[in-house]
Structure formats: structure tokens, C-alpha cells
Amino acid sequence: MNKGYDFDGVLTTGRFKPEPGDCIITGRTWKDAELTRIEMGAMGILNIPIYFMPPIMKVPTGENGLIMTGMWKAIIIDACELDEYFEDDEVQYRTIINNIQGETIITKV
């Protein structure tokens, strides 16, 4: 079973640890890649692919930004054909549920 995880609010809680075949899909952009990899290393998360949101898709903070991030995550979840994805943010969770095309189980944490 291949799983996907949000980074902030899911993996940062320490409750989950990705395994080989899993991935991370984050609303952070590649500009945060170095910091994110350092944080992952400190949590013992190594050699796990991570998908960063394209900076061009980032919109101002607030609900519109969370909706855009959820829509982007839904596309990546479908492209990765994940069995399950874990999300903590309520707005992103609802947006993913409403936009996902595949059979991925979306779990709110």
C-alpha cells in the first residue's frame, strides 16, 4: 500500500513515518526544500520523495490559498495513484475530497 502525507501538521506531529514507496505532498514550495529536507532528516525521514507546490500556484494566505493548495494536492495524489493520503487542514481536506478523481482514501488527521 503506498501512502502520501502532508508535511506540516501531519508528519511534523511525529505520529506517522513514511516507508519506502510512500511520498510527501506539501504546500511548501521548492524554495523551502533545503529547510524541509533538514527537518525530515531530524525526524529520521530519509529517501522519501517529496512534491513541492509550484511557486506560481501560491496565492496569498487565507482560505483561497488553502483551496488552491488542496486542488494542487488532489492532482498530485491522482498522478501518484496513492492508496491513502493523510491531511490535517480542514479546508484542504474538503478540497481534495471534492477534486480527487481516483480511488485514494483521504484521511483527516
N, C-alpha and C. Protein backbone atom coordinates (compact mmCIF):
# COMPACT_ATOMS: atom_id res chain seq x y z
N MET A 1 0.85 -1.18 0.00
CA MET A 1 0.00 0.00 0.00
C MET A 1 0.90 1.24 0.00
N ASN A 2 0.72 2.11 -0.98
CA ASN A 2 1.51 3.34 -0.99
C ASN A 2 0.68 4.49 -0.45
N LYS A 3 1.31 5.22 0.46
CA LYS A 3 0.61 6.29 1.16
C LYS A 3 1.29 7.62 0.88
N GLY A 4 0.51 8.68 1.02
CA GLY A 4 1.03 10.03 0.89
C GLY A 4 0.71 10.81 2.15
N TYR A 5 1.58 11.76 2.46
CA TYR A 5 1.43 12.53 3.69
C TYR A 5 1.64 14.01 3.42
N ASP A 6 0.82 14.84 4.06
CA ASP A 6 1.13 16.25 4.15
C ASP A 6 2.30 16.37 5.12
N PHE A 7 3.07 17.44 4.99
CA PHE A 7 4.23 17.59 5.87
C PHE A 7 3.85 18.32 7.16
N ASP A 8 3.51 19.60 7.02
CA ASP A 8 3.18 20.41 8.20
C ASP A 8 1.84 19.97 8.77
N GLY A 9 1.83 19.61 10.02
CA GLY A 9 0.58 19.22 10.68
C GLY A 9 0.29 17.73 10.62
N VAL A 10 1.01 17.00 9.78
CA VAL A 10 0.84 15.54 9.73
C VAL A 10 2.17 14.89 10.13
N LEU A 11 3.17 14.97 9.26
CA LEU A 11 4.45 14.35 9.61
C LEU A 11 5.14 15.07 10.76
N THR A 12 4.95 16.38 10.85
CA THR A 12 5.61 17.13 11.92
C THR A 12 5.07 16.77 13.30
N THR A 13 3.95 16.06 13.38
CA THR A 13 3.42 15.63 14.68
C THR A 13 4.21 14.46 15.25
N GLY A 14 4.94 13.75 14.39
CA GLY A 14 5.66 12.57 14.84
C GLY A 14 4.80 11.32 14.94
N ARG A 15 3.53 11.42 14.60
CA ARG A 15 2.62 10.27 14.68
C ARG A 15 2.75 9.32 13.50
N PHE A 16 3.35 9.79 12.41
CA PHE A 16 3.45 9.00 11.19
C PHE A 16 4.90 8.97 10.72
N LYS A 17 5.29 7.87 10.08
CA LYS A 17 6.61 7.80 9.47
C LYS A 17 6.47 7.09 8.12
N PRO A 18 6.75 7.82 7.03
CA PRO A 18 6.64 7.20 5.71
C PRO A 18 7.62 6.04 5.54
N GLU A 19 7.21 5.10 4.72
CA GLU A 19 8.04 3.94 4.39
C GLU A 19 8.39 3.98 2.91
N PRO A 20 9.34 3.15 2.47
CA PRO A 20 9.65 3.11 1.04
C PRO A 20 8.38 2.87 0.22
N GLY A 21 8.22 3.62 -0.85
CA GLY A 21 7.03 3.54 -1.69
C GLY A 21 6.02 4.64 -1.38
N ASP A 22 6.19 5.29 -0.22
CA ASP A 22 5.32 6.40 0.16
C ASP A 22 5.89 7.70 -0.37
N CYS A 23 5.13 8.79 -0.22
CA CYS A 23 5.62 10.10 -0.63
C CYS A 23 5.03 11.19 0.26
N ILE A 24 5.59 12.37 0.13
CA ILE A 24 5.12 13.55 0.85
C ILE A 24 4.63 14.54 -0.19
N ILE A 25 3.47 15.12 0.04
CA ILE A 25 2.93 16.16 -0.83
C ILE A 25 2.67 17.37 0.06
N THR A 26 3.44 18.42 -0.14
CA THR A 26 3.39 19.57 0.75
C THR A 26 2.99 20.84 0.02
N GLY A 27 2.35 21.73 0.74
CA GLY A 27 2.03 23.05 0.21
C GLY A 27 3.23 23.99 0.21
N ARG A 28 4.34 23.54 0.79
CA ARG A 28 5.57 24.34 0.72
C ARG A 28 6.06 24.36 -0.72
N THR A 29 6.84 25.37 -1.07
CA THR A 29 7.41 25.43 -2.42
C THR A 29 8.86 24.95 -2.39
N TRP A 30 9.44 24.77 -3.58
CA TRP A 30 10.83 24.30 -3.66
C TRP A 30 11.78 25.26 -2.96
N LYS A 31 11.36 26.51 -2.77
CA LYS A 31 12.20 27.47 -2.06
C LYS A 31 12.43 27.03 -0.61
N ASP A 32 11.53 26.19 -0.11
CA ASP A 32 11.66 25.65 1.25
C ASP A 32 12.29 24.26 1.26
N ALA A 33 12.80 23.80 0.12
CA ALA A 33 13.27 22.42 0.01
C ALA A 33 14.41 22.11 0.97
N GLU A 34 15.40 22.98 1.06
CA GLU A 34 16.55 22.69 1.92
C GLU A 34 16.12 22.59 3.38
N LEU A 35 15.33 23.55 3.84
CA LEU A 35 14.84 23.52 5.22
C LEU A 35 13.99 22.27 5.47
N THR A 36 13.14 21.93 4.50
CA THR A 36 12.27 20.76 4.65
C THR A 36 13.10 19.49 4.76
N ARG A 37 14.12 19.35 3.93
CA ARG A 37 14.99 18.16 3.99
C ARG A 37 15.71 18.07 5.34
N ILE A 38 16.15 19.21 5.86
CA ILE A 38 16.79 19.23 7.18
C ILE A 38 15.80 18.75 8.24
N GLU A 39 14.58 19.27 8.20
CA GLU A 39 13.56 18.86 9.16
C GLU A 39 13.24 17.37 9.02
N MET A 40 13.16 16.90 7.79
CA MET A 40 12.89 15.48 7.56
C MET A 40 14.00 14.63 8.15
N GLY A 41 15.25 15.03 7.93
CA GLY A 41 16.38 14.29 8.47
C GLY A 41 16.34 14.22 9.99
N ALA A 42 15.97 15.33 10.61
CA ALA A 42 15.88 15.37 12.07
C ALA A 42 14.79 14.42 12.59
N MET A 43 13.78 14.16 11.75
CA MET A 43 12.70 13.24 12.13
C MET A 43 13.01 11.80 11.70
N GLY A 44 14.16 11.59 11.07
CA GLY A 44 14.52 10.25 10.61
C GLY A 44 13.80 9.83 9.34
N ILE A 45 13.30 10.80 8.59
CA ILE A 45 12.61 10.52 7.33
C ILE A 45 13.61 10.74 6.20
N LEU A 46 14.07 9.64 5.62
CA LEU A 46 15.12 9.71 4.59
C LEU A 46 14.65 8.98 3.33
N ASN A 47 15.14 9.46 2.20
CA ASN A 47 14.90 8.80 0.91
C ASN A 47 13.42 8.62 0.57
N ILE A 48 12.62 9.60 0.93
CA ILE A 48 11.20 9.60 0.60
C ILE A 48 10.96 10.74 -0.39
N PRO A 49 10.35 10.48 -1.54
CA PRO A 49 10.10 11.56 -2.48
C PRO A 49 9.15 12.60 -1.89
N ILE A 50 9.41 13.85 -2.24
CA ILE A 50 8.57 14.94 -1.74
C ILE A 50 8.18 15.84 -2.91
N TYR A 51 6.91 16.14 -3.00
CA TYR A 51 6.39 17.01 -4.05
C TYR A 51 6.10 18.38 -3.44
N PHE A 52 6.75 19.40 -3.99
CA PHE A 52 6.57 20.78 -3.54
C PHE A 52 5.61 21.49 -4.48
N MET A 53 4.75 22.33 -3.92
CA MET A 53 3.81 23.11 -4.72
C MET A 53 4.58 24.12 -5.58
N PRO A 54 4.27 24.23 -6.86
CA PRO A 54 4.94 25.22 -7.71
C PRO A 54 4.70 26.63 -7.18
N PRO A 55 5.75 27.44 -7.08
CA PRO A 55 5.59 28.81 -6.55
C PRO A 55 4.56 29.63 -7.33
N ILE A 56 4.42 29.38 -8.61
CA ILE A 56 3.48 30.16 -9.42
C ILE A 56 2.04 29.92 -8.99
N MET A 57 1.78 28.79 -8.34
CA MET A 57 0.42 28.48 -7.90
C MET A 57 0.12 29.03 -6.51
N LYS A 58 1.13 29.50 -5.83
CA LYS A 58 0.92 30.04 -4.49
C LYS A 58 0.13 31.34 -4.58
N VAL A 59 -0.91 31.44 -3.80
CA VAL A 59 -1.70 32.66 -3.73
C VAL A 59 -1.62 33.18 -2.29
N PRO A 60 -2.07 34.39 -2.07
CA PRO A 60 -1.99 34.92 -0.71
C PRO A 60 -2.61 33.95 0.31
N THR A 61 -2.16 34.09 1.53
CA THR A 61 -2.66 33.22 2.59
C THR A 61 -4.16 33.40 2.77
N GLY A 62 -4.74 32.52 3.52
CA GLY A 62 -6.18 32.56 3.75
C GLY A 62 -6.86 31.39 3.07
N GLU A 63 -8.17 31.40 3.08
CA GLU A 63 -8.92 30.27 2.55
C GLU A 63 -8.68 30.05 1.06
N ASN A 64 -8.54 31.11 0.26
CA ASN A 64 -8.27 30.92 -1.17
C ASN A 64 -6.96 30.18 -1.40
N GLY A 65 -5.95 30.51 -0.61
CA GLY A 65 -4.67 29.81 -0.71
C GLY A 65 -4.80 28.34 -0.34
N LEU A 66 -5.57 28.06 0.70
CA LEU A 66 -5.77 26.68 1.13
C LEU A 66 -6.55 25.88 0.08
N ILE A 67 -7.53 26.51 -0.56
CA ILE A 67 -8.29 25.85 -1.62
C ILE A 67 -7.38 25.53 -2.81
N MET A 68 -6.56 26.50 -3.22
CA MET A 68 -5.63 26.27 -4.34
C MET A 68 -4.66 25.14 -4.01
N THR A 69 -4.15 25.14 -2.78
CA THR A 69 -3.23 24.08 -2.37
C THR A 69 -3.93 22.72 -2.39
N GLY A 70 -5.15 22.65 -1.91
CA GLY A 70 -5.90 21.39 -1.94
C GLY A 70 -6.15 20.90 -3.35
N MET A 71 -6.44 21.81 -4.27
CA MET A 71 -6.66 21.42 -5.67
C MET A 71 -5.38 20.85 -6.27
N TRP A 72 -4.25 21.51 -5.99
CA TRP A 72 -2.97 21.01 -6.50
C TRP A 72 -2.66 19.64 -5.90
N LYS A 73 -2.89 19.49 -4.59
CA LYS A 73 -2.62 18.20 -3.95
C LYS A 73 -3.48 17.10 -4.56
N ALA A 74 -4.74 17.38 -4.88
CA ALA A 74 -5.61 16.38 -5.49
C ALA A 74 -5.03 15.89 -6.82
N ILE A 75 -4.48 16.81 -7.60
CA ILE A 75 -3.86 16.44 -8.89
C ILE A 75 -2.68 15.51 -8.66
N ILE A 76 -1.82 15.85 -7.70
CA ILE A 76 -0.63 15.05 -7.43
C ILE A 76 -1.02 13.69 -6.84
N ILE A 77 -1.99 13.67 -5.94
CA ILE A 77 -2.47 12.40 -5.37
C ILE A 77 -2.95 11.48 -6.48
N ASP A 78 -3.74 12.00 -7.42
CA ASP A 78 -4.20 11.20 -8.55
C ASP A 78 -3.04 10.73 -9.42
N ALA A 79 -2.10 11.63 -9.69
CA ALA A 79 -0.96 11.27 -10.54
C ALA A 79 -0.11 10.16 -9.91
N CYS A 80 0.01 10.18 -8.59
CA CYS A 80 0.81 9.18 -7.88
C CYS A 80 0.03 7.88 -7.63
N GLU A 81 -1.27 7.90 -7.89
CA GLU A 81 -2.14 6.73 -7.68
C GLU A 81 -1.96 6.16 -6.27
N LEU A 82 -2.04 7.04 -5.28
CA LEU A 82 -1.87 6.63 -3.90
C LEU A 82 -3.07 5.82 -3.41
N ASP A 83 -2.81 4.95 -2.46
CA ASP A 83 -3.90 4.21 -1.82
C ASP A 83 -4.55 5.05 -0.72
N GLU A 84 -3.73 5.85 -0.02
CA GLU A 84 -4.25 6.67 1.07
C GLU A 84 -3.40 7.93 1.21
N TYR A 85 -4.04 9.03 1.55
CA TYR A 85 -3.35 10.30 1.78
C TYR A 85 -3.85 10.89 3.10
N PHE A 86 -2.91 11.43 3.88
CA PHE A 86 -3.21 11.99 5.19
C PHE A 86 -3.07 13.51 5.16
N GLU A 87 -4.13 14.20 5.56
CA GLU A 87 -4.17 15.67 5.54
C GLU A 87 -4.74 16.17 6.86
N ASP A 88 -4.19 17.26 7.39
CA ASP A 88 -4.69 17.80 8.66
C ASP A 88 -5.59 19.02 8.48
N ASP A 89 -5.37 19.80 7.43
CA ASP A 89 -6.11 21.05 7.28
C ASP A 89 -7.52 20.79 6.74
N GLU A 90 -8.52 21.30 7.44
CA GLU A 90 -9.92 21.04 7.08
C GLU A 90 -10.28 21.55 5.68
N VAL A 91 -9.84 22.76 5.33
CA VAL A 91 -10.16 23.33 4.01
C VAL A 91 -9.50 22.50 2.91
N GLN A 92 -8.23 22.17 3.08
CA GLN A 92 -7.55 21.36 2.07
C GLN A 92 -8.17 19.97 1.99
N TYR A 93 -8.51 19.39 3.12
CA TYR A 93 -9.14 18.07 3.14
C TYR A 93 -10.42 18.08 2.30
N ARG A 94 -11.31 19.03 2.56
CA ARG A 94 -12.57 19.12 1.79
C ARG A 94 -12.30 19.35 0.31
N THR A 95 -11.32 20.20 0.00
CA THR A 95 -10.99 20.49 -1.39
C THR A 95 -10.46 19.25 -2.10
N ILE A 96 -9.59 18.50 -1.42
CA ILE A 96 -9.06 17.26 -2.01
C ILE A 96 -10.21 16.29 -2.27
N ILE A 97 -11.06 16.08 -1.28
CA ILE A 97 -12.21 15.17 -1.43
C ILE A 97 -13.07 15.57 -2.63
N ASN A 98 -13.29 16.86 -2.81
CA ASN A 98 -14.16 17.35 -3.89
C ASN A 98 -13.50 17.34 -5.26
N ASN A 99 -12.17 17.20 -5.32
CA ASN A 99 -11.47 17.29 -6.61
C ASN A 99 -10.74 16.02 -7.02
N ILE A 100 -10.65 15.06 -6.14
CA ILE A 100 -9.91 13.84 -6.46
C ILE A 100 -10.69 13.03 -7.51
N GLN A 101 -9.98 12.45 -8.43
CA GLN A 101 -10.60 11.65 -9.49
C GLN A 101 -10.46 10.16 -9.24
N GLY A 102 -9.41 9.77 -8.54
CA GLY A 102 -9.13 8.35 -8.33
C GLY A 102 -9.83 7.78 -7.11
N GLU A 103 -9.32 6.65 -6.66
CA GLU A 103 -9.93 5.90 -5.55
C GLU A 103 -9.17 6.08 -4.24
N THR A 104 -8.29 7.03 -4.16
CA THR A 104 -7.48 7.23 -2.96
C THR A 104 -8.36 7.53 -1.75
N ILE A 105 -8.06 6.89 -0.64
CA ILE A 105 -8.71 7.19 0.63
C ILE A 105 -8.05 8.43 1.20
N ILE A 106 -8.83 9.45 1.51
CA ILE A 106 -8.29 10.67 2.10
C ILE A 106 -8.65 10.65 3.58
N THR A 107 -7.63 10.65 4.43
CA THR A 107 -7.82 10.56 5.87
C THR A 107 -7.50 11.88 6.53
N LYS A 108 -8.46 12.40 7.27
CA LYS A 108 -8.27 13.65 8.02
C LYS A 108 -7.64 13.30 9.36
N VAL A 109 -6.53 13.96 9.69
CA VAL A 109 -5.86 13.72 10.98
C VAL A 109 -5.90 14.96 11.84
